[in-house]
């Protein structure tokens, strides 16, 4: 990709945003920002208790991610954010119009297995159903690509780099 871009790695919990994001950033030669780090403590407490966030909880978080992305315009960067709804992605795009979304997508069973195996994360598997219910996949008019999360992190990252490069070359 010739021009550095900001890539928002999106998807439901457990798809590997925190794993793939840094690998993608390294492959692209740009910095990575962990979306969870933009959550205020109240959001972390709410999710840790098994309570899904509402839009009121998410908007300040999305605005913080959008500010980071805007600051990386023309420099490039990778940031993770579930960005499950079109409205959330629109809000991020309002702050960073050239952001491109990488949707990590996969089978619910596989994602639940991965969530069950991970340790030390605040998001319980009990919230996975609400994540899938909320998810609005990328629409054709949105700048982005979807990549399946089967395989190793290296394989997923390679598919992501290839899909982003193909998208960039096409348009």
N, C-alpha and C. Protein backbone atom coordinates (compact mmCIF):
# COMPACT_ATOMS: atom_id res chain seq x y z
N UNK A 1 0.85 -1.17 0.00
CA UNK A 1 0.00 0.00 0.00
C UNK A 1 0.90 1.23 0.00
N UNK A 2 0.69 2.11 -0.94
CA UNK A 2 1.59 3.24 -1.13
C UNK A 2 1.40 4.34 -0.09
N UNK A 3 0.18 4.69 0.24
CA UNK A 3 -0.07 5.75 1.20
C UNK A 3 -0.42 5.12 2.54
N UNK A 4 0.25 5.54 3.62
CA UNK A 4 -0.11 4.99 4.93
C UNK A 4 -1.58 5.27 5.22
N UNK A 5 -2.24 4.30 5.76
CA UNK A 5 -3.65 4.49 6.10
C UNK A 5 -3.88 4.04 7.53
N UNK A 6 -4.98 4.49 8.09
CA UNK A 6 -5.40 4.03 9.40
C UNK A 6 -6.35 2.87 9.17
N UNK A 7 -6.03 1.73 9.77
CA UNK A 7 -6.85 0.54 9.66
C UNK A 7 -7.50 0.29 11.02
N UNK A 8 -8.81 0.18 11.04
CA UNK A 8 -9.55 -0.15 12.25
C UNK A 8 -9.88 -1.64 12.17
N UNK A 9 -9.28 -2.42 13.08
CA UNK A 9 -9.53 -3.86 13.13
C UNK A 9 -10.79 -4.05 13.96
N UNK A 10 -11.84 -4.56 13.32
CA UNK A 10 -13.15 -4.65 13.96
C UNK A 10 -13.64 -6.09 14.02
N UNK A 11 -14.66 -6.32 14.82
CA UNK A 11 -15.29 -7.62 14.93
C UNK A 11 -15.77 -7.86 16.34
N UNK A 12 -16.51 -8.94 16.51
CA UNK A 12 -17.02 -9.28 17.83
C UNK A 12 -15.86 -9.68 18.73
N UNK A 13 -16.12 -9.71 20.03
CA UNK A 13 -15.12 -10.15 21.00
C UNK A 13 -14.65 -11.55 20.62
N UNK A 14 -13.36 -11.79 20.79
CA UNK A 14 -12.82 -13.12 20.57
C UNK A 14 -12.37 -13.42 19.15
N UNK A 15 -12.51 -12.45 18.23
CA UNK A 15 -12.08 -12.70 16.85
C UNK A 15 -10.58 -12.52 16.67
N UNK A 16 -9.92 -11.93 17.66
CA UNK A 16 -8.48 -11.79 17.58
C UNK A 16 -8.00 -10.38 17.29
N UNK A 17 -8.82 -9.38 17.57
CA UNK A 17 -8.42 -8.00 17.27
C UNK A 17 -7.12 -7.64 17.97
N UNK A 18 -6.98 -8.05 19.23
CA UNK A 18 -5.79 -7.72 20.02
C UNK A 18 -4.57 -8.52 19.57
N UNK A 19 -4.78 -9.66 18.96
CA UNK A 19 -3.68 -10.46 18.44
C UNK A 19 -3.30 -10.01 17.04
N UNK A 20 -4.27 -9.87 16.18
CA UNK A 20 -4.02 -9.55 14.77
C UNK A 20 -3.61 -8.08 14.61
N UNK A 21 -4.20 -7.19 15.38
CA UNK A 21 -3.89 -5.77 15.27
C UNK A 21 -2.40 -5.46 15.33
N UNK A 22 -1.69 -5.90 16.37
CA UNK A 22 -0.25 -5.62 16.43
C UNK A 22 0.54 -6.30 15.31
N UNK A 23 0.13 -7.51 14.93
CA UNK A 23 0.81 -8.20 13.84
C UNK A 23 0.62 -7.44 12.52
N UNK A 24 -0.59 -6.95 12.30
CA UNK A 24 -0.87 -6.17 11.10
C UNK A 24 -0.06 -4.87 11.11
N UNK A 25 -0.05 -4.20 12.25
CA UNK A 25 0.70 -2.95 12.36
C UNK A 25 2.18 -3.19 12.06
N UNK A 26 2.72 -4.27 12.58
CA UNK A 26 4.12 -4.60 12.31
C UNK A 26 4.34 -4.85 10.82
N UNK A 27 3.44 -5.60 10.21
CA UNK A 27 3.56 -5.90 8.77
C UNK A 27 3.48 -4.63 7.93
N UNK A 28 2.68 -3.66 8.37
CA UNK A 28 2.51 -2.42 7.63
C UNK A 28 3.52 -1.34 8.02
N UNK A 29 4.26 -1.59 9.10
CA UNK A 29 5.26 -0.63 9.55
C UNK A 29 4.67 0.63 10.17
N UNK A 30 3.55 0.45 10.89
CA UNK A 30 2.88 1.58 11.53
C UNK A 30 2.59 1.23 12.99
N UNK A 31 2.28 2.23 13.83
CA UNK A 31 1.98 1.94 15.24
C UNK A 31 0.61 1.29 15.42
N UNK A 32 0.48 0.61 16.55
CA UNK A 32 -0.77 -0.04 16.93
C UNK A 32 -1.30 0.60 18.21
N UNK A 33 -2.62 0.76 18.27
CA UNK A 33 -3.29 1.23 19.49
C UNK A 33 -4.38 0.22 19.85
N UNK A 34 -4.37 -0.23 21.07
CA UNK A 34 -5.35 -1.19 21.57
C UNK A 34 -6.64 -0.46 21.94
N UNK A 35 -7.72 -0.80 21.24
CA UNK A 35 -9.00 -0.14 21.46
C UNK A 35 -9.50 -0.25 22.88
N UNK A 36 -9.24 -1.37 23.54
CA UNK A 36 -9.70 -1.53 24.92
C UNK A 36 -9.10 -0.48 25.84
N UNK A 37 -7.91 0.01 25.50
CA UNK A 37 -7.26 1.02 26.34
C UNK A 37 -7.98 2.36 26.31
N UNK A 38 -8.87 2.57 25.35
CA UNK A 38 -9.62 3.81 25.25
C UNK A 38 -10.90 3.78 26.09
N UNK A 39 -11.26 2.61 26.63
CA UNK A 39 -12.46 2.50 27.47
C UNK A 39 -12.23 3.18 28.81
N UNK A 40 -13.20 3.95 29.28
CA UNK A 40 -13.11 4.46 30.64
C UNK A 40 -13.32 3.31 31.63
N UNK A 41 -12.84 3.46 32.87
CA UNK A 41 -12.98 2.38 33.86
C UNK A 41 -14.42 1.91 34.06
N UNK A 42 -15.39 2.81 33.94
CA UNK A 42 -16.79 2.41 34.12
C UNK A 42 -17.22 1.40 33.07
N UNK A 43 -16.74 1.54 31.83
CA UNK A 43 -17.08 0.57 30.78
C UNK A 43 -16.48 -0.78 31.10
N UNK A 44 -15.22 -0.80 31.53
CA UNK A 44 -14.55 -2.07 31.87
C UNK A 44 -15.31 -2.76 33.00
N UNK A 45 -15.70 -2.00 34.01
CA UNK A 45 -16.44 -2.57 35.14
C UNK A 45 -17.77 -3.15 34.68
N UNK A 46 -18.45 -2.45 33.81
CA UNK A 46 -19.75 -2.90 33.32
C UNK A 46 -19.60 -4.22 32.55
N UNK A 47 -18.64 -4.26 31.62
CA UNK A 47 -18.44 -5.48 30.84
C UNK A 47 -17.95 -6.63 31.72
N UNK A 48 -17.08 -6.35 32.68
CA UNK A 48 -16.57 -7.38 33.58
C UNK A 48 -17.71 -8.02 34.38
N UNK A 49 -18.74 -7.23 34.65
CA UNK A 49 -19.90 -7.73 35.38
C UNK A 49 -20.88 -8.46 34.47
N UNK A 50 -20.55 -8.56 33.17
CA UNK A 50 -21.41 -9.27 32.24
C UNK A 50 -22.53 -8.43 31.66
N UNK A 51 -22.44 -7.11 31.80
CA UNK A 51 -23.47 -6.21 31.29
C UNK A 51 -22.99 -5.60 29.98
N UNK A 52 -23.76 -5.77 28.90
CA UNK A 52 -23.36 -5.16 27.63
C UNK A 52 -23.36 -3.63 27.74
N UNK A 53 -22.46 -3.01 27.00
CA UNK A 53 -22.45 -1.56 26.93
C UNK A 53 -23.62 -1.08 26.09
N UNK A 54 -24.12 0.11 26.41
CA UNK A 54 -25.14 0.72 25.56
C UNK A 54 -24.46 1.83 24.75
N UNK A 55 -25.22 2.45 23.87
CA UNK A 55 -24.63 3.47 23.01
C UNK A 55 -24.06 4.63 23.81
N UNK A 56 -24.70 4.97 24.91
CA UNK A 56 -24.18 6.05 25.76
C UNK A 56 -22.80 5.73 26.30
N UNK A 57 -22.57 4.45 26.59
CA UNK A 57 -21.25 4.02 27.05
C UNK A 57 -20.23 4.05 25.91
N UNK A 58 -20.67 3.68 24.73
CA UNK A 58 -19.76 3.51 23.60
C UNK A 58 -19.33 4.83 22.95
N UNK A 59 -20.19 5.83 22.95
CA UNK A 59 -19.89 7.05 22.19
C UNK A 59 -18.61 7.75 22.64
N UNK A 60 -18.38 7.97 23.94
CA UNK A 60 -17.11 8.60 24.33
C UNK A 60 -15.90 7.73 23.97
N UNK A 61 -16.06 6.42 24.06
CA UNK A 61 -15.00 5.48 23.69
C UNK A 61 -14.69 5.59 22.19
N UNK A 62 -15.74 5.58 21.38
CA UNK A 62 -15.55 5.73 19.93
C UNK A 62 -14.91 7.08 19.59
N UNK A 63 -15.31 8.13 20.30
CA UNK A 63 -14.74 9.45 20.04
C UNK A 63 -13.24 9.46 20.35
N UNK A 64 -12.83 8.78 21.41
CA UNK A 64 -11.40 8.70 21.75
C UNK A 64 -10.62 7.95 20.69
N UNK A 65 -11.19 6.86 20.20
CA UNK A 65 -10.53 6.10 19.13
C UNK A 65 -10.47 6.95 17.87
N UNK A 66 -11.56 7.66 17.57
CA UNK A 66 -11.59 8.52 16.40
C UNK A 66 -10.55 9.62 16.46
N UNK A 67 -10.33 10.19 17.66
CA UNK A 67 -9.30 11.22 17.82
C UNK A 67 -7.92 10.65 17.51
N UNK A 68 -7.66 9.44 18.02
CA UNK A 68 -6.37 8.80 17.74
C UNK A 68 -6.21 8.58 16.24
N UNK A 69 -7.26 8.05 15.60
CA UNK A 69 -7.20 7.78 14.16
C UNK A 69 -7.00 9.08 13.37
N UNK A 70 -7.69 10.14 13.76
CA UNK A 70 -7.53 11.43 13.08
C UNK A 70 -6.09 11.92 13.20
N UNK A 71 -5.49 11.73 14.36
CA UNK A 71 -4.11 12.13 14.58
C UNK A 71 -3.10 11.34 13.77
N UNK A 72 -3.51 10.17 13.28
CA UNK A 72 -2.62 9.31 12.50
C UNK A 72 -2.87 9.46 11.00
N UNK A 73 -3.81 10.32 10.60
CA UNK A 73 -4.09 10.52 9.17
C UNK A 73 -2.80 10.88 8.45
N UNK A 74 -2.57 10.29 7.30
CA UNK A 74 -1.38 10.47 6.47
C UNK A 74 -0.11 9.89 7.09
N UNK A 75 -0.21 9.36 8.30
CA UNK A 75 0.93 8.71 8.95
C UNK A 75 0.74 7.20 9.00
N UNK A 76 -0.52 6.79 9.06
CA UNK A 76 -0.86 5.38 9.15
C UNK A 76 -0.91 4.90 10.59
N UNK A 77 -1.62 3.83 10.78
CA UNK A 77 -1.75 3.23 12.10
C UNK A 77 -2.79 2.14 12.06
N UNK A 78 -2.77 1.32 13.09
CA UNK A 78 -3.76 0.27 13.25
C UNK A 78 -4.33 0.41 14.66
N UNK A 79 -5.66 0.38 14.75
CA UNK A 79 -6.33 0.46 16.04
C UNK A 79 -7.45 -0.57 16.05
N UNK A 80 -7.66 -1.18 17.21
CA UNK A 80 -8.76 -2.14 17.32
C UNK A 80 -9.98 -1.45 17.92
N UNK A 81 -11.13 -1.87 17.43
CA UNK A 81 -12.42 -1.39 17.94
C UNK A 81 -13.47 -2.37 17.43
N UNK A 82 -14.33 -2.82 18.30
CA UNK A 82 -15.36 -3.76 17.84
C UNK A 82 -16.15 -3.17 16.67
N UNK A 83 -16.47 -1.87 16.72
CA UNK A 83 -17.17 -1.17 15.62
C UNK A 83 -18.29 -2.02 15.04
N UNK A 84 -19.10 -2.58 15.92
CA UNK A 84 -20.10 -3.56 15.50
C UNK A 84 -21.23 -2.99 14.66
N UNK A 85 -21.60 -1.74 14.90
CA UNK A 85 -22.72 -1.15 14.16
C UNK A 85 -22.21 -0.15 13.11
N UNK A 86 -22.98 -0.04 12.05
CA UNK A 86 -22.66 0.93 11.01
C UNK A 86 -22.56 2.33 11.62
N UNK A 87 -23.45 2.65 12.53
CA UNK A 87 -23.42 3.99 13.15
C UNK A 87 -22.11 4.23 13.89
N UNK A 88 -21.55 3.20 14.50
CA UNK A 88 -20.26 3.36 15.20
C UNK A 88 -19.15 3.61 14.18
N UNK A 89 -19.18 2.87 13.08
CA UNK A 89 -18.17 3.07 12.04
C UNK A 89 -18.32 4.44 11.40
N UNK A 90 -19.57 4.89 11.22
CA UNK A 90 -19.80 6.23 10.69
C UNK A 90 -19.21 7.28 11.63
N UNK A 91 -19.35 7.06 12.91
CA UNK A 91 -18.81 8.01 13.90
C UNK A 91 -17.28 8.04 13.82
N UNK A 92 -16.67 6.86 13.68
CA UNK A 92 -15.21 6.81 13.53
C UNK A 92 -14.77 7.49 12.23
N UNK A 93 -15.52 7.25 11.15
CA UNK A 93 -15.21 7.87 9.86
C UNK A 93 -15.39 9.38 9.90
N UNK A 94 -16.33 9.86 10.72
CA UNK A 94 -16.52 11.31 10.84
C UNK A 94 -15.25 11.95 11.40
N UNK A 95 -14.58 11.26 12.30
CA UNK A 95 -13.33 11.78 12.88
C UNK A 95 -12.14 11.51 11.96
N UNK A 96 -12.14 10.35 11.30
CA UNK A 96 -11.02 9.94 10.44
C UNK A 96 -11.59 9.43 9.12
N UNK A 97 -11.92 10.34 8.19
CA UNK A 97 -12.62 9.97 6.96
C UNK A 97 -11.93 8.92 6.09
N UNK A 98 -10.62 8.83 6.16
CA UNK A 98 -9.91 7.88 5.31
C UNK A 98 -9.64 6.54 5.99
N UNK A 99 -10.18 6.34 7.16
CA UNK A 99 -9.99 5.06 7.86
C UNK A 99 -10.57 3.91 7.04
N UNK A 100 -9.89 2.78 7.10
CA UNK A 100 -10.32 1.56 6.42
C UNK A 100 -10.58 0.52 7.50
N UNK A 101 -11.65 -0.24 7.33
CA UNK A 101 -12.02 -1.24 8.33
C UNK A 101 -11.61 -2.64 7.88
N UNK A 102 -11.02 -3.37 8.81
CA UNK A 102 -10.69 -4.78 8.61
C UNK A 102 -11.59 -5.57 9.54
N UNK A 103 -12.61 -6.22 8.97
CA UNK A 103 -13.57 -6.99 9.77
C UNK A 103 -13.05 -8.41 9.94
N UNK A 104 -12.66 -8.75 11.14
CA UNK A 104 -12.29 -10.13 11.45
C UNK A 104 -13.57 -10.89 11.74
N UNK A 105 -13.88 -11.84 10.87
CA UNK A 105 -15.16 -12.54 10.99
C UNK A 105 -14.91 -14.04 11.13
N UNK A 106 -15.86 -14.68 11.80
CA UNK A 106 -15.71 -16.12 11.97
C UNK A 106 -16.93 -16.77 12.56
N UNK A 107 -16.87 -18.06 12.60
CA UNK A 107 -17.94 -18.90 13.12
C UNK A 107 -18.06 -18.70 14.64
N UNK A 108 -19.30 -18.60 15.11
CA UNK A 108 -19.54 -18.36 16.53
C UNK A 108 -18.91 -19.43 17.41
N UNK A 109 -18.96 -20.69 17.01
CA UNK A 109 -18.41 -21.78 17.82
C UNK A 109 -16.90 -21.60 18.00
N UNK A 110 -16.21 -21.31 16.90
CA UNK A 110 -14.76 -21.08 16.97
C UNK A 110 -14.44 -19.90 17.88
N UNK A 111 -15.17 -18.83 17.74
CA UNK A 111 -14.90 -17.64 18.53
C UNK A 111 -15.17 -17.91 20.02
N UNK A 112 -16.23 -18.63 20.34
CA UNK A 112 -16.50 -18.97 21.74
C UNK A 112 -15.38 -19.83 22.30
N UNK A 113 -14.88 -20.79 21.50
CA UNK A 113 -13.77 -21.63 21.97
C UNK A 113 -12.55 -20.77 22.29
N UNK A 114 -12.26 -19.82 21.43
CA UNK A 114 -11.11 -18.93 21.66
C UNK A 114 -11.31 -18.06 22.90
N UNK A 115 -12.53 -17.56 23.07
CA UNK A 115 -12.81 -16.73 24.25
C UNK A 115 -12.68 -17.55 25.53
N UNK A 116 -13.14 -18.79 25.49
CA UNK A 116 -13.06 -19.65 26.67
C UNK A 116 -11.61 -19.94 27.04
N UNK A 117 -10.76 -20.06 26.03
CA UNK A 117 -9.35 -20.42 26.27
C UNK A 117 -8.51 -19.24 26.76
N UNK A 118 -8.92 -18.01 26.48
CA UNK A 118 -8.07 -16.88 26.86
C UNK A 118 -8.22 -16.57 28.34
N UNK A 119 -7.16 -16.01 28.88
CA UNK A 119 -7.13 -15.70 30.31
C UNK A 119 -6.89 -14.21 30.51
N UNK A 120 -7.47 -13.67 31.58
CA UNK A 120 -7.17 -12.31 31.98
C UNK A 120 -7.86 -11.23 31.19
N UNK A 121 -8.89 -11.57 30.43
CA UNK A 121 -9.62 -10.55 29.68
C UNK A 121 -10.94 -10.28 30.37
N UNK A 122 -11.37 -9.01 30.35
CA UNK A 122 -12.58 -8.62 31.08
C UNK A 122 -13.87 -9.05 30.41
N UNK A 123 -13.84 -9.40 29.12
CA UNK A 123 -15.08 -9.70 28.37
C UNK A 123 -15.45 -11.16 28.56
N UNK A 124 -16.55 -11.44 29.27
CA UNK A 124 -16.97 -12.83 29.46
C UNK A 124 -17.67 -13.39 28.22
N UNK A 125 -17.62 -14.71 28.06
CA UNK A 125 -18.27 -15.34 26.92
C UNK A 125 -19.78 -15.13 26.96
N UNK A 126 -20.33 -14.82 28.12
CA UNK A 126 -21.77 -14.58 28.25
C UNK A 126 -22.22 -13.41 27.37
N UNK A 127 -21.31 -12.51 27.01
CA UNK A 127 -21.69 -11.36 26.19
C UNK A 127 -21.56 -11.64 24.69
N UNK A 128 -21.11 -12.84 24.32
CA UNK A 128 -20.89 -13.13 22.91
C UNK A 128 -22.20 -13.07 22.10
N UNK A 129 -23.28 -13.60 22.66
CA UNK A 129 -24.56 -13.54 21.94
C UNK A 129 -24.97 -12.11 21.65
N UNK A 130 -24.79 -11.21 22.63
CA UNK A 130 -25.17 -9.81 22.40
C UNK A 130 -24.27 -9.17 21.36
N UNK A 131 -23.00 -9.60 21.30
CA UNK A 131 -22.09 -9.08 20.29
C UNK A 131 -22.57 -9.48 18.89
N UNK A 132 -22.89 -10.76 18.71
CA UNK A 132 -23.37 -11.21 17.40
C UNK A 132 -24.71 -10.58 17.04
N UNK A 133 -25.56 -10.37 18.03
CA UNK A 133 -26.86 -9.74 17.77
C UNK A 133 -26.69 -8.29 17.33
N UNK A 134 -25.67 -7.63 17.84
CA UNK A 134 -25.42 -6.23 17.52
C UNK A 134 -24.68 -6.06 16.20
N UNK A 135 -23.88 -7.05 15.81
CA UNK A 135 -23.02 -6.94 14.63
C UNK A 135 -23.78 -6.61 13.36
N UNK A 136 -23.36 -5.55 12.70
CA UNK A 136 -23.81 -5.19 11.36
C UNK A 136 -22.57 -5.26 10.47
N UNK A 137 -22.44 -6.32 9.65
CA UNK A 137 -21.24 -6.45 8.81
C UNK A 137 -21.05 -5.24 7.91
N UNK A 138 -19.83 -5.08 7.44
CA UNK A 138 -19.52 -3.99 6.52
C UNK A 138 -20.46 -4.03 5.33
N UNK A 139 -20.91 -2.86 4.91
CA UNK A 139 -21.75 -2.75 3.74
C UNK A 139 -20.89 -2.41 2.53
N UNK A 140 -21.38 -2.69 1.31
CA UNK A 140 -20.57 -2.45 0.11
C UNK A 140 -20.03 -1.03 -0.03
N UNK A 141 -20.73 -0.05 0.51
CA UNK A 141 -20.26 1.33 0.36
C UNK A 141 -19.27 1.76 1.45
N UNK A 142 -18.91 0.84 2.34
CA UNK A 142 -17.96 1.15 3.40
C UNK A 142 -16.55 0.74 2.98
N UNK A 143 -15.58 1.59 3.30
CA UNK A 143 -14.18 1.29 2.99
C UNK A 143 -13.70 0.20 3.94
N UNK A 144 -13.50 -0.99 3.41
CA UNK A 144 -13.03 -2.07 4.26
C UNK A 144 -13.05 -3.41 3.59
N UNK A 145 -12.54 -4.38 4.31
CA UNK A 145 -12.49 -5.76 3.85
C UNK A 145 -12.82 -6.67 5.03
N UNK A 146 -13.30 -7.86 4.72
CA UNK A 146 -13.56 -8.88 5.74
C UNK A 146 -12.56 -10.01 5.54
N UNK A 147 -12.06 -10.53 6.65
CA UNK A 147 -11.10 -11.62 6.63
C UNK A 147 -11.55 -12.67 7.63
N UNK A 148 -11.56 -13.92 7.20
CA UNK A 148 -11.94 -15.03 8.07
C UNK A 148 -10.86 -15.28 9.10
N UNK A 149 -11.26 -15.66 10.31
CA UNK A 149 -10.31 -15.84 11.41
C UNK A 149 -9.89 -17.28 11.65
N UNK A 150 -10.17 -18.16 10.71
CA UNK A 150 -9.65 -19.51 10.88
C UNK A 150 -8.15 -19.51 10.57
N UNK A 151 -7.44 -20.41 11.23
CA UNK A 151 -6.01 -20.52 11.00
C UNK A 151 -5.21 -19.82 12.09
N UNK A 152 -3.91 -19.79 11.87
CA UNK A 152 -2.99 -19.20 12.85
C UNK A 152 -3.01 -17.67 12.73
N UNK A 153 -2.54 -16.98 13.76
CA UNK A 153 -2.44 -15.53 13.66
C UNK A 153 -1.62 -15.07 12.45
N UNK A 154 -0.55 -15.78 12.13
CA UNK A 154 0.27 -15.42 10.97
C UNK A 154 -0.52 -15.57 9.67
N UNK A 155 -1.32 -16.63 9.57
CA UNK A 155 -2.14 -16.85 8.37
C UNK A 155 -3.22 -15.77 8.24
N UNK A 156 -3.85 -15.44 9.35
CA UNK A 156 -4.91 -14.42 9.34
C UNK A 156 -4.31 -13.07 8.95
N UNK A 157 -3.15 -12.76 9.53
CA UNK A 157 -2.48 -11.49 9.22
C UNK A 157 -2.09 -11.42 7.75
N UNK A 158 -1.58 -12.51 7.21
CA UNK A 158 -1.20 -12.54 5.79
C UNK A 158 -2.42 -12.30 4.91
N UNK A 159 -3.55 -12.92 5.26
CA UNK A 159 -4.79 -12.69 4.49
C UNK A 159 -5.23 -11.24 4.60
N UNK A 160 -5.08 -10.66 5.79
CA UNK A 160 -5.47 -9.26 6.00
C UNK A 160 -4.61 -8.33 5.16
N UNK A 161 -3.29 -8.53 5.19
CA UNK A 161 -2.39 -7.69 4.40
C UNK A 161 -2.74 -7.80 2.91
N UNK A 162 -2.97 -9.03 2.45
CA UNK A 162 -3.30 -9.24 1.03
C UNK A 162 -4.63 -8.57 0.68
N UNK A 163 -5.64 -8.70 1.54
CA UNK A 163 -6.95 -8.11 1.26
C UNK A 163 -6.88 -6.58 1.26
N UNK A 164 -6.14 -6.01 2.18
CA UNK A 164 -5.98 -4.55 2.22
C UNK A 164 -5.21 -4.06 1.00
N UNK A 165 -4.18 -4.79 0.61
CA UNK A 165 -3.40 -4.40 -0.58
C UNK A 165 -4.26 -4.48 -1.84
N UNK A 166 -5.06 -5.54 -1.96
CA UNK A 166 -5.95 -5.68 -3.12
C UNK A 166 -6.97 -4.55 -3.15
N UNK A 167 -7.50 -4.20 -2.00
CA UNK A 167 -8.47 -3.11 -1.93
C UNK A 167 -7.81 -1.79 -2.34
N UNK A 168 -6.60 -1.56 -1.84
CA UNK A 168 -5.87 -0.34 -2.16
C UNK A 168 -5.54 -0.26 -3.66
N UNK A 169 -5.14 -1.38 -4.23
CA UNK A 169 -4.79 -1.42 -5.65
C UNK A 169 -6.02 -1.19 -6.54
N UNK A 170 -7.18 -1.66 -6.04
CA UNK A 170 -8.41 -1.55 -6.83
C UNK A 170 -8.99 -0.13 -6.80
N UNK A 171 -8.57 0.63 -5.79
CA UNK A 171 -9.27 1.86 -5.79
C UNK A 171 -8.78 3.05 -5.20
